[in-house]
Amino acid sequence: MEEYLPLIIQLVSGAVGGNLAGSLMKKFSLGTLGNSILGILGGGLGGQLLGMLVGGAEAAEASTSMDLSSILGSVAGGGVGGGVLMAIVGMIKKAMSK
């Protein structure tokens, strides 16, 4: 279970990031459910990308430990990834509806 904790943190923070981005950019918001789903997807992707960019295998190994820096990294990667993916899809949806 401990090896899945960083992923769970990324997914939850991605959902929060997606909803936060939706509340800040109301014209691109997809509703609470849409923002949450895209945030979860973006959180998982963002957390994995951040892990690869930071240090590859060393970051992946460190992400399974539960020290403060790995938890904060999971929260940051998930939250930013969730917000970015929600904003991108919201912009695409708005552009297609014109």
N, C-alpha and C. Protein backbone atom coordinates (compact mmCIF):
# COMPACT_ATOMS: atom_id res chain seq x y z
N MET A 1 0.82 -1.20 0.00
CA MET A 1 0.00 0.00 0.00
C MET A 1 0.86 1.26 0.00
N GLU A 2 1.99 1.17 0.68
CA GLU A 2 2.86 2.34 0.79
C GLU A 2 3.41 2.79 -0.56
N GLU A 3 3.58 1.86 -1.48
CA GLU A 3 4.12 2.24 -2.79
C GLU A 3 3.08 2.98 -3.64
N TYR A 4 1.79 2.85 -3.31
CA TYR A 4 0.75 3.53 -4.06
C TYR A 4 0.39 4.90 -3.48
N LEU A 5 0.90 5.21 -2.30
CA LEU A 5 0.54 6.45 -1.63
C LEU A 5 0.92 7.70 -2.43
N PRO A 6 2.12 7.79 -3.03
CA PRO A 6 2.40 8.97 -3.85
C PRO A 6 1.43 9.14 -5.02
N LEU A 7 1.04 8.04 -5.65
CA LEU A 7 0.08 8.12 -6.75
C LEU A 7 -1.27 8.60 -6.26
N ILE A 8 -1.70 8.10 -5.11
CA ILE A 8 -2.98 8.54 -4.54
C ILE A 8 -2.93 10.02 -4.22
N ILE A 9 -1.82 10.48 -3.66
CA ILE A 9 -1.65 11.90 -3.36
C ILE A 9 -1.71 12.71 -4.65
N GLN A 10 -1.06 12.26 -5.71
CA GLN A 10 -1.08 12.96 -7.00
C GLN A 10 -2.49 13.03 -7.57
N LEU A 11 -3.24 11.95 -7.47
CA LEU A 11 -4.59 11.93 -8.02
C LEU A 11 -5.52 12.87 -7.26
N VAL A 12 -5.43 12.84 -5.93
CA VAL A 12 -6.28 13.71 -5.11
C VAL A 12 -5.91 15.17 -5.32
N SER A 13 -4.62 15.47 -5.31
CA SER A 13 -4.21 16.86 -5.53
C SER A 13 -4.51 17.31 -6.96
N GLY A 14 -4.53 16.37 -7.91
CA GLY A 14 -4.93 16.70 -9.27
C GLY A 14 -6.39 17.10 -9.34
N ALA A 15 -7.25 16.37 -8.62
CA ALA A 15 -8.67 16.73 -8.57
C ALA A 15 -8.85 18.11 -7.96
N VAL A 16 -8.12 18.39 -6.90
CA VAL A 16 -8.18 19.71 -6.27
C VAL A 16 -7.67 20.78 -7.24
N GLY A 17 -6.55 20.50 -7.91
CA GLY A 17 -5.99 21.44 -8.88
C GLY A 17 -6.93 21.70 -10.04
N GLY A 18 -7.60 20.67 -10.53
CA GLY A 18 -8.56 20.83 -11.61
C GLY A 18 -9.74 21.71 -11.21
N ASN A 19 -10.25 21.48 -10.00
CA ASN A 19 -11.37 22.30 -9.52
C ASN A 19 -10.94 23.72 -9.20
N LEU A 20 -9.73 23.88 -8.69
CA LEU A 20 -9.22 25.23 -8.42
C LEU A 20 -9.05 26.01 -9.73
N ALA A 21 -8.49 25.35 -10.73
CA ALA A 21 -8.34 26.00 -12.04
C ALA A 21 -9.71 26.34 -12.63
N GLY A 22 -10.67 25.45 -12.46
CA GLY A 22 -12.02 25.71 -12.96
C GLY A 22 -12.68 26.89 -12.26
N SER A 23 -12.41 27.05 -10.97
CA SER A 23 -13.01 28.17 -10.25
C SER A 23 -12.30 29.49 -10.58
N LEU A 24 -11.02 29.42 -10.90
CA LEU A 24 -10.29 30.63 -11.27
C LEU A 24 -10.56 31.05 -12.71
N MET A 25 -10.79 30.09 -13.59
CA MET A 25 -11.05 30.38 -15.01
C MET A 25 -12.45 29.88 -15.35
N LYS A 26 -13.44 30.60 -14.88
CA LYS A 26 -14.83 30.15 -15.00
C LYS A 26 -15.28 29.93 -16.44
N LYS A 27 -14.73 30.68 -17.39
CA LYS A 27 -15.18 30.50 -18.78
C LYS A 27 -14.67 29.20 -19.39
N PHE A 28 -13.67 28.56 -18.76
CA PHE A 28 -13.16 27.29 -19.25
C PHE A 28 -13.59 26.11 -18.38
N SER A 29 -14.33 26.40 -17.31
CA SER A 29 -14.74 25.35 -16.37
C SER A 29 -15.65 24.34 -17.04
N LEU A 30 -15.49 23.10 -16.66
CA LEU A 30 -16.31 22.01 -17.21
C LEU A 30 -17.27 21.46 -16.16
N GLY A 31 -17.50 22.20 -15.10
CA GLY A 31 -18.33 21.74 -14.00
C GLY A 31 -17.49 20.95 -13.01
N THR A 32 -18.02 20.75 -11.84
CA THR A 32 -17.26 20.08 -10.78
C THR A 32 -16.81 18.67 -11.19
N LEU A 33 -17.72 17.91 -11.76
CA LEU A 33 -17.37 16.53 -12.16
C LEU A 33 -16.33 16.51 -13.27
N GLY A 34 -16.53 17.33 -14.30
CA GLY A 34 -15.57 17.38 -15.41
C GLY A 34 -14.21 17.88 -14.96
N ASN A 35 -14.21 18.91 -14.12
CA ASN A 35 -12.94 19.43 -13.59
C ASN A 35 -12.23 18.37 -12.75
N SER A 36 -13.00 17.63 -11.96
CA SER A 36 -12.40 16.60 -11.10
C SER A 36 -11.81 15.46 -11.92
N ILE A 37 -12.54 15.00 -12.92
CA ILE A 37 -12.05 13.88 -13.74
C ILE A 37 -10.79 14.28 -14.49
N LEU A 38 -10.82 15.46 -15.13
CA LEU A 38 -9.63 15.91 -15.85
C LEU A 38 -8.49 16.20 -14.87
N GLY A 39 -8.82 16.69 -13.69
CA GLY A 39 -7.79 16.93 -12.68
C GLY A 39 -7.13 15.65 -12.23
N ILE A 40 -7.92 14.60 -12.04
CA ILE A 40 -7.36 13.30 -11.63
C ILE A 40 -6.43 12.77 -12.72
N LEU A 41 -6.88 12.83 -13.98
CA LEU A 41 -6.03 12.37 -15.08
C LEU A 41 -4.76 13.22 -15.18
N GLY A 42 -4.92 14.53 -15.11
CA GLY A 42 -3.77 15.42 -15.19
C GLY A 42 -2.84 15.27 -13.99
N GLY A 43 -3.42 14.99 -12.83
CA GLY A 43 -2.60 14.79 -11.63
C GLY A 43 -1.70 13.57 -11.75
N GLY A 44 -2.27 12.48 -12.26
CA GLY A 44 -1.46 11.27 -12.46
C GLY A 44 -0.37 11.49 -13.49
N LEU A 45 -0.74 12.12 -14.61
CA LEU A 45 0.25 12.39 -15.67
C LEU A 45 1.29 13.41 -15.20
N GLY A 46 0.83 14.48 -14.56
CA GLY A 46 1.75 15.52 -14.10
C GLY A 46 2.74 15.01 -13.08
N GLY A 47 2.26 14.19 -12.16
CA GLY A 47 3.15 13.63 -11.15
C GLY A 47 4.20 12.72 -11.75
N GLN A 48 3.80 11.92 -12.74
CA GLN A 48 4.75 11.03 -13.40
C GLN A 48 5.76 11.81 -14.22
N LEU A 49 5.30 12.83 -14.94
CA LEU A 49 6.22 13.66 -15.73
C LEU A 49 7.20 14.39 -14.85
N LEU A 50 6.73 14.93 -13.74
CA LEU A 50 7.62 15.61 -12.82
C LEU A 50 8.68 14.66 -12.28
N GLY A 51 8.25 13.44 -11.97
CA GLY A 51 9.21 12.43 -11.50
C GLY A 51 10.27 12.11 -12.52
N MET A 52 9.88 12.06 -13.79
CA MET A 52 10.87 11.78 -14.85
C MET A 52 11.80 12.96 -15.07
N LEU A 53 11.26 14.17 -14.99
CA LEU A 53 12.08 15.35 -15.21
C LEU A 53 13.06 15.60 -14.08
N VAL A 54 12.64 15.31 -12.86
CA VAL A 54 13.48 15.60 -11.71
C VAL A 54 14.68 14.68 -11.62
N GLY A 55 14.50 13.41 -11.91
CA GLY A 55 15.67 12.55 -11.78
C GLY A 55 15.51 11.12 -12.21
N GLY A 56 14.51 10.83 -12.99
CA GLY A 56 14.35 9.48 -13.52
C GLY A 56 14.19 8.42 -12.47
N ALA A 57 15.04 7.42 -12.48
CA ALA A 57 14.92 6.28 -11.57
C ALA A 57 15.11 6.69 -10.12
N GLU A 58 16.01 7.65 -9.88
CA GLU A 58 16.22 8.10 -8.50
C GLU A 58 14.96 8.76 -7.96
N ALA A 59 14.27 9.53 -8.77
CA ALA A 59 13.03 10.18 -8.32
C ALA A 59 11.93 9.15 -8.12
N ALA A 60 11.88 8.15 -8.99
CA ALA A 60 10.86 7.11 -8.83
C ALA A 60 11.09 6.33 -7.55
N GLU A 61 12.35 6.06 -7.25
CA GLU A 61 12.67 5.36 -6.01
C GLU A 61 12.37 6.23 -4.80
N ALA A 62 12.68 7.51 -4.90
CA ALA A 62 12.43 8.43 -3.79
C ALA A 62 10.94 8.67 -3.59
N SER A 63 10.15 8.57 -4.68
CA SER A 63 8.72 8.84 -4.56
C SER A 63 8.00 7.78 -3.76
N THR A 64 8.62 6.61 -3.58
CA THR A 64 7.98 5.58 -2.76
C THR A 64 8.25 5.81 -1.28
N SER A 65 9.23 6.64 -0.95
CA SER A 65 9.45 6.97 0.45
C SER A 65 8.48 8.05 0.86
N MET A 66 8.24 8.18 2.13
CA MET A 66 7.23 9.13 2.58
C MET A 66 7.86 10.26 3.38
N ASP A 67 8.92 10.87 2.86
CA ASP A 67 9.47 12.06 3.52
C ASP A 67 8.73 13.29 3.01
N LEU A 68 8.94 14.40 3.67
CA LEU A 68 8.19 15.61 3.37
C LEU A 68 8.41 16.10 1.94
N SER A 69 9.64 16.02 1.45
CA SER A 69 9.91 16.51 0.10
C SER A 69 9.20 15.68 -0.96
N SER A 70 9.11 14.37 -0.78
CA SER A 70 8.41 13.56 -1.78
C SER A 70 6.91 13.78 -1.72
N ILE A 71 6.37 14.01 -0.53
CA ILE A 71 4.94 14.31 -0.41
C ILE A 71 4.63 15.64 -1.09
N LEU A 72 5.45 16.66 -0.81
CA LEU A 72 5.23 17.97 -1.44
C LEU A 72 5.40 17.90 -2.95
N GLY A 73 6.36 17.11 -3.41
CA GLY A 73 6.54 16.92 -4.85
C GLY A 73 5.33 16.27 -5.50
N SER A 74 4.75 15.28 -4.81
CA SER A 74 3.55 14.63 -5.33
C SER A 74 2.37 15.59 -5.38
N VAL A 75 2.23 16.41 -4.33
CA VAL A 75 1.14 17.39 -4.29
C VAL A 75 1.33 18.43 -5.39
N ALA A 76 2.54 18.92 -5.55
CA ALA A 76 2.80 19.95 -6.56
C ALA A 76 2.60 19.39 -7.97
N GLY A 77 3.18 18.24 -8.25
CA GLY A 77 3.04 17.64 -9.58
C GLY A 77 1.60 17.32 -9.91
N GLY A 78 0.89 16.77 -8.95
CA GLY A 78 -0.51 16.43 -9.18
C GLY A 78 -1.39 17.65 -9.35
N GLY A 79 -1.22 18.63 -8.47
CA GLY A 79 -2.05 19.84 -8.54
C GLY A 79 -1.83 20.63 -9.80
N VAL A 80 -0.58 20.82 -10.16
CA VAL A 80 -0.27 21.58 -11.38
C VAL A 80 -0.73 20.80 -12.62
N GLY A 81 -0.45 19.51 -12.65
CA GLY A 81 -0.88 18.70 -13.79
C GLY A 81 -2.38 18.69 -13.97
N GLY A 82 -3.11 18.59 -12.86
CA GLY A 82 -4.57 18.61 -12.93
C GLY A 82 -5.11 19.94 -13.42
N GLY A 83 -4.54 21.03 -12.91
CA GLY A 83 -4.98 22.35 -13.34
C GLY A 83 -4.67 22.62 -14.80
N VAL A 84 -3.50 22.23 -15.23
CA VAL A 84 -3.09 22.47 -16.62
C VAL A 84 -3.95 21.67 -17.59
N LEU A 85 -4.17 20.40 -17.31
CA LEU A 85 -4.98 19.58 -18.23
C LEU A 85 -6.41 20.10 -18.29
N MET A 86 -6.98 20.49 -17.15
CA MET A 86 -8.34 21.03 -17.14
C MET A 86 -8.40 22.31 -17.97
N ALA A 87 -7.42 23.18 -17.83
CA ALA A 87 -7.41 24.44 -18.58
C ALA A 87 -7.27 24.18 -20.07
N ILE A 88 -6.42 23.26 -20.47
CA ILE A 88 -6.22 22.95 -21.89
C ILE A 88 -7.51 22.41 -22.51
N VAL A 89 -8.12 21.45 -21.84
CA VAL A 89 -9.36 20.87 -22.38
C VAL A 89 -10.48 21.90 -22.37
N GLY A 90 -10.54 22.73 -21.34
CA GLY A 90 -11.55 23.79 -21.30
C GLY A 90 -11.38 24.78 -22.45
N MET A 91 -10.15 25.14 -22.76
CA MET A 91 -9.89 26.05 -23.89
C MET A 91 -10.27 25.41 -25.22
N ILE A 92 -9.95 24.15 -25.38
CA ILE A 92 -10.30 23.43 -26.61
C ILE A 92 -11.82 23.36 -26.76
N LYS A 93 -12.50 23.04 -25.66
CA LYS A 93 -13.97 22.93 -25.71
C LYS A 93 -14.59 24.28 -26.06
N LYS A 94 -14.09 25.35 -25.46
CA LYS A 94 -14.63 26.68 -25.75
C LYS A 94 -14.36 27.07 -27.21
N ALA A 95 -13.17 26.74 -27.73
CA ALA A 95 -12.83 27.08 -29.11
C ALA A 95 -13.70 26.29 -30.09
N MET A 96 -14.03 25.05 -29.76
CA MET A 96 -14.83 24.21 -30.65
C MET A 96 -16.31 24.63 -30.64
N SER A 97 -16.75 25.29 -29.57
CA SER A 97 -18.16 25.66 -29.48
C SER A 97 -18.46 26.95 -30.23
N LYS A 98 -17.44 27.62 -30.72
CA LYS A 98 -17.66 28.88 -31.47
C LYS A 98 -18.12 28.62 -32.88
